[in-house]
Amino acid sequence: MRLTLGGAVLGRPDSPALDGVDLDVAPGEILTVVGPSGCGKSTLLRTLAGLLPPLAGTVAQDGRPLTGPSAERALVFQEDALLPWRTLRANVELPLAIAGRPRRERRERAEAWLGRVGLADRARQLPHRVSGGQRQRAQLARALAGAPRAVLMDEPFGALDAQTRAGMQDLLVEVLAGTGATVVFVTHDVDEALFLGDRVALLGAGRLLAVREVPRPRDRAAHDDPARTALRRDVLSSLGT
């Protein structure tokens, strides 16, 4: 799925957050979005989710106006948003049930995705019986079980400890491989943005400051790579930090 914004003004009528945004997110790309608190990252994501219409300009999906929420665009929050009275499997089945999928298919797909995120043995557990990292894994499985063409992620790992967060980043890259899904991933962490993103969009002062290509291959051991070090320095400088 290609997501595009042209001259877009985003926010609420009494409080615009971003002005004149021109952005093209290619099909299958992971675009990370980074910037200081209050810069409009979540506003951008909610606009792409169809929850917040633009105040001006255009927002499009595959060249057609994006006019509201769609099952083709899954939204993942920092809070896991799992229903506490449903097991992990039942939570993962939920979007499939809403889509009217047969019960057997729902169960099979939910169990397959729980297996892919390492939760096959936790399928019958309620959310409060598993860790925060496991709840985020279940939320990721729920988002992907419905085969969305785009996944919009709002600081999903922000509340996790450093070790769990790194594991979730690796898992995200692994499970996205082969899905073809377009991903827009909002974070306040520059290192996370550079590890996950094919490109990184920088927001600040009410506008899109720049979009930078990220050197590949994706490798945690490459943090001393000169190109990556230079990019990190450039990103921090652009953000004024």
Protein backbone atom coordinates (compact mmCIF):
# COMPACT_ATOMS: atom_id res chain seq x y z
CA MET A 1 0.00 0.00 0.00
CA ARG A 2 1.29 3.45 -0.92
CA LEU A 3 0.43 6.25 1.49
CA THR A 4 0.86 9.85 0.36
CA LEU A 5 0.30 13.30 1.79
CA GLY A 6 0.37 16.44 -0.34
CA GLY A 7 0.48 19.89 1.23
CA ALA A 8 -1.37 18.41 4.19
CA VAL A 9 -2.28 20.45 7.26
CA LEU A 10 -2.91 18.05 10.13
CA GLY A 11 -4.47 18.39 13.56
CA ARG A 12 -7.68 19.82 14.95
CA PRO A 13 -9.32 22.99 13.63
CA ASP A 14 -8.47 24.91 16.79
CA SER A 15 -4.98 23.40 17.09
CA PRO A 16 -3.11 22.46 13.87
CA ALA A 17 -0.06 20.31 14.64
CA LEU A 18 1.64 19.98 11.24
CA ASP A 19 1.62 22.28 8.23
CA GLY A 20 2.43 21.62 4.57
CA VAL A 21 3.37 17.94 4.87
CA ASP A 22 4.51 16.29 1.63
CA LEU A 23 5.32 12.62 2.16
CA ASP A 24 5.29 9.45 0.06
CA VAL A 25 5.49 6.09 1.86
CA ALA A 26 6.29 3.33 -0.64
CA PRO A 27 4.60 -0.10 -0.61
CA GLY A 28 6.41 -2.49 1.73
CA GLU A 29 8.56 0.25 3.25
CA ILE A 30 9.22 0.71 6.96
CA LEU A 31 9.13 4.46 7.54
CA THR A 32 10.05 5.51 11.06
CA VAL A 33 8.93 8.90 12.34
CA VAL A 34 10.91 10.64 15.06
CA GLY A 35 10.70 13.99 16.79
CA PRO A 36 10.25 15.64 20.19
CA SER A 37 7.11 15.28 22.28
CA GLY A 38 4.21 17.29 20.92
CA CYS A 39 5.66 17.63 17.41
CA GLY A 40 2.72 15.91 15.70
CA LYS A 41 3.94 12.30 15.38
CA SER A 42 0.73 10.77 16.73
CA THR A 43 -1.35 13.27 14.74
CA LEU A 44 0.33 12.08 11.55
CA LEU A 45 -0.32 8.46 12.45
CA ARG A 46 -3.98 9.04 13.31
CA THR A 47 -4.44 10.87 10.03
CA LEU A 48 -3.01 7.92 8.11
CA ALA A 49 -5.29 5.63 10.12
CA GLY A 50 -8.29 7.64 8.93
CA LEU A 51 -9.20 8.76 12.45
CA LEU A 52 -8.38 12.43 11.87
CA PRO A 53 -9.18 14.10 8.53
CA PRO A 54 -6.68 16.63 7.17
CA LEU A 55 -7.53 20.30 7.61
CA ALA A 56 -6.15 21.04 4.14
CA GLY A 57 -4.22 19.28 1.39
CA THR A 58 -4.54 15.62 0.46
CA VAL A 59 -4.07 12.25 2.14
CA ALA A 60 -4.29 9.23 -0.14
CA GLN A 61 -4.06 5.45 -0.18
CA ASP A 62 -2.86 4.01 -3.48
CA GLY A 63 -3.77 7.27 -5.19
CA ARG A 64 -7.33 7.40 -3.81
CA PRO A 65 -8.47 9.77 -1.06
CA LEU A 66 -8.16 8.22 2.39
CA THR A 67 -11.56 8.89 3.92
CA GLY A 68 -11.77 6.87 7.13
CA PRO A 69 -10.61 3.82 9.09
CA SER A 70 -10.12 0.56 7.21
CA ALA A 71 -9.21 -3.01 8.10
CA GLU A 72 -6.46 -2.65 5.49
CA ARG A 73 -4.65 -0.30 7.91
CA ALA A 74 -3.98 -1.78 11.36
CA LEU A 75 -3.16 0.53 14.27
CA VAL A 76 -0.89 -0.53 17.15
CA PHE A 77 -0.62 1.60 20.29
CA GLN A 78 1.90 1.83 23.13
CA GLU A 79 -0.78 0.50 25.49
CA ASP A 80 -1.50 -3.06 24.42
CA ALA A 81 -5.30 -2.47 24.24
CA LEU A 82 -6.04 -6.17 24.68
CA LEU A 83 -9.49 -6.98 26.05
CA PRO A 84 -8.79 -8.22 29.60
CA TRP A 85 -11.63 -10.77 29.65
CA ARG A 86 -10.51 -12.51 26.45
CA THR A 87 -7.62 -14.96 26.18
CA LEU A 88 -4.67 -14.02 24.00
CA ARG A 89 -6.01 -16.26 21.24
CA ALA A 90 -9.48 -14.72 21.48
CA ASN A 91 -7.91 -11.24 21.30
CA VAL A 92 -5.99 -12.17 18.17
CA GLU A 93 -9.17 -13.64 16.67
CA LEU A 94 -11.13 -10.42 17.26
CA PRO A 95 -10.43 -8.57 13.96
CA LEU A 96 -11.09 -11.79 12.08
CA ALA A 97 -14.44 -12.19 13.85
CA ILE A 98 -15.35 -8.59 13.00
CA ALA A 99 -14.49 -9.37 9.37
CA GLY A 100 -16.89 -12.33 9.48
CA ARG A 101 -14.30 -15.07 9.07
CA PRO A 102 -15.43 -18.63 9.93
CA ARG A 103 -14.63 -19.83 13.44
CA ARG A 104 -12.19 -22.52 12.31
CA GLU A 105 -10.24 -20.08 10.15
CA ARG A 106 -10.13 -17.55 12.99
CA ARG A 107 -8.69 -20.10 15.39
CA GLU A 108 -6.14 -21.44 12.92
CA ARG A 109 -4.89 -18.00 11.93
CA ALA A 110 -4.76 -16.79 15.53
CA GLU A 111 -2.80 -19.84 16.63
CA ALA A 112 -0.43 -19.50 13.67
CA TRP A 113 0.34 -15.86 14.48
CA LEU A 114 0.73 -16.54 18.19
CA GLY A 115 3.23 -19.20 17.21
CA ARG A 116 5.12 -16.75 15.01
CA VAL A 117 5.50 -14.28 17.89
CA GLY A 118 6.53 -16.99 20.35
CA LEU A 119 3.28 -17.24 22.31
CA ALA A 120 1.96 -20.65 21.25
CA ASP A 121 2.07 -21.85 24.85
CA ARG A 122 0.28 -18.72 26.14
CA ALA A 123 -2.73 -18.80 23.80
CA ARG A 124 -5.24 -19.58 26.56
CA GLN A 125 -3.85 -17.10 29.07
CA LEU A 126 -5.63 -13.88 29.96
CA PRO A 127 -3.63 -10.67 29.35
CA HIS A 128 -3.01 -9.98 33.05
CA ARG A 129 -1.31 -13.37 33.40
CA VAL A 130 1.51 -12.55 30.97
CA SER A 131 4.29 -9.94 30.89
CA GLY A 132 4.19 -6.55 29.20
CA GLY A 133 6.44 -7.78 26.42
CA GLN A 134 4.20 -10.79 25.84
CA ARG A 135 1.13 -8.55 25.69
CA GLN A 136 2.84 -6.46 23.03
CA ARG A 137 3.64 -9.65 21.10
CA ALA A 138 -0.03 -10.58 21.27
CA GLN A 139 -1.01 -7.11 20.07
CA LEU A 140 1.38 -7.45 17.13
CA ALA A 141 -0.12 -10.86 16.31
CA ARG A 142 -3.62 -9.37 16.44
CA ALA A 143 -2.61 -6.53 14.11
CA LEU A 144 -1.08 -8.87 11.53
CA ALA A 145 -3.59 -11.74 11.73
CA GLY A 146 -6.04 -9.80 9.58
CA ALA A 147 -3.42 -9.44 6.80
CA PRO A 148 -3.48 -5.62 6.70
CA ARG A 149 -1.69 -3.89 3.85
CA ALA A 150 -0.36 -1.21 6.20
CA VAL A 151 0.55 -1.25 9.90
CA LEU A 152 0.63 2.05 11.81
CA MET A 153 2.52 1.85 15.09
CA ASP A 154 2.46 4.55 17.78
CA GLU A 155 5.49 4.06 20.07
CA PRO A 156 4.49 0.42 20.67
CA PHE A 157 7.67 -0.47 22.59
CA GLY A 158 8.03 2.76 24.55
CA ALA A 159 7.00 1.28 27.91
CA LEU A 160 9.25 -1.78 27.70
CA ASP A 161 12.65 -2.23 29.33
CA ALA A 162 15.71 -2.01 27.07
CA GLN A 163 16.27 -5.75 26.67
CA THR A 164 12.62 -6.54 25.95
CA ARG A 165 12.44 -3.58 23.58
CA ALA A 166 15.41 -4.81 21.55
CA GLY A 167 13.82 -8.25 21.34
CA MET A 168 10.55 -6.75 20.12
CA GLN A 169 12.37 -4.74 17.45
CA ASP A 170 14.04 -7.90 16.15
CA LEU A 171 10.72 -9.75 16.27
CA LEU A 172 8.94 -6.99 14.35
CA VAL A 173 11.47 -7.12 11.52
CA GLU A 174 11.24 -10.92 11.45
CA VAL A 175 7.45 -11.22 11.35
CA LEU A 176 7.04 -8.42 8.81
CA ALA A 177 9.34 -10.20 6.37
CA GLY A 178 7.26 -11.62 3.57
CA THR A 179 4.03 -9.84 4.50
CA GLY A 180 4.60 -6.95 2.09
CA ALA A 181 2.94 -4.61 4.58
CA THR A 182 3.79 -0.92 4.58
CA VAL A 183 4.76 0.24 8.08
CA VAL A 184 4.77 3.70 9.63
CA PHE A 185 6.43 3.45 13.05
CA VAL A 186 6.39 6.45 15.41
CA THR A 187 9.07 6.66 18.09
CA HIS A 188 10.91 9.23 20.20
CA ASP A 189 14.04 7.04 20.17
CA VAL A 190 16.49 7.94 17.39
CA ASP A 191 18.40 4.65 17.66
CA GLU A 192 15.17 2.67 17.36
CA ALA A 193 14.18 4.75 14.34
CA LEU A 194 17.50 4.10 12.62
CA PHE A 195 17.48 0.37 13.37
CA LEU A 196 13.94 -0.28 12.15
CA GLY A 197 13.46 2.21 9.35
CA ASP A 198 14.26 1.97 5.66
CA ARG A 199 13.86 5.74 5.88
CA VAL A 200 13.36 8.06 8.83
CA ALA A 201 11.10 11.12 8.78
CA LEU A 202 12.03 13.98 11.10
CA LEU A 203 9.29 16.17 12.59
CA GLY A 204 9.73 19.43 14.47
CA ALA A 205 8.50 23.01 14.71
CA GLY A 206 5.13 22.02 13.25
CA ARG A 207 6.46 20.61 10.00
CA LEU A 208 8.23 17.73 8.28
CA LEU A 209 11.89 18.72 8.52
CA ALA A 210 13.44 16.02 6.36
CA VAL A 211 13.32 12.38 5.27
CA ARG A 212 16.59 10.44 5.39
CA GLU A 213 17.58 7.11 3.84
CA VAL A 214 18.98 4.62 6.38
CA PRO A 215 22.11 2.62 5.44
CA ARG A 216 21.64 -1.13 5.21
CA PRO A 217 22.04 -3.98 6.05
CA ARG A 218 20.10 -3.75 9.32
CA ASP A 219 22.63 -4.81 11.95
CA ARG A 220 22.90 -3.92 15.63
CA ALA A 221 26.65 -4.48 15.45
CA ALA A 222 26.90 -1.69 12.85
CA HIS A 223 26.43 1.14 15.36
CA ASP A 224 30.07 2.19 14.74
CA ASP A 225 29.62 2.20 10.95
CA PRO A 226 30.74 5.65 9.69
CA ALA A 227 27.66 6.15 7.49
CA ARG A 228 25.28 5.25 10.31
CA THR A 229 27.19 7.40 12.80
CA ALA A 230 27.04 10.36 10.42
CA LEU A 231 23.30 9.84 9.88
CA ARG A 232 22.66 9.65 13.62
CA ARG A 233 24.58 12.88 14.12
CA ASP A 234 22.62 14.53 11.29
CA VAL A 235 19.27 13.40 12.71
CA LEU A 236 20.10 14.66 16.20
CA SER A 237 21.32 17.96 14.79
CA SER A 238 18.17 18.39 12.68
CA LEU A 239 16.03 17.74 15.74
CA GLY A 240 18.04 20.24 17.78
CA THR A 241 19.25 17.69 20.33
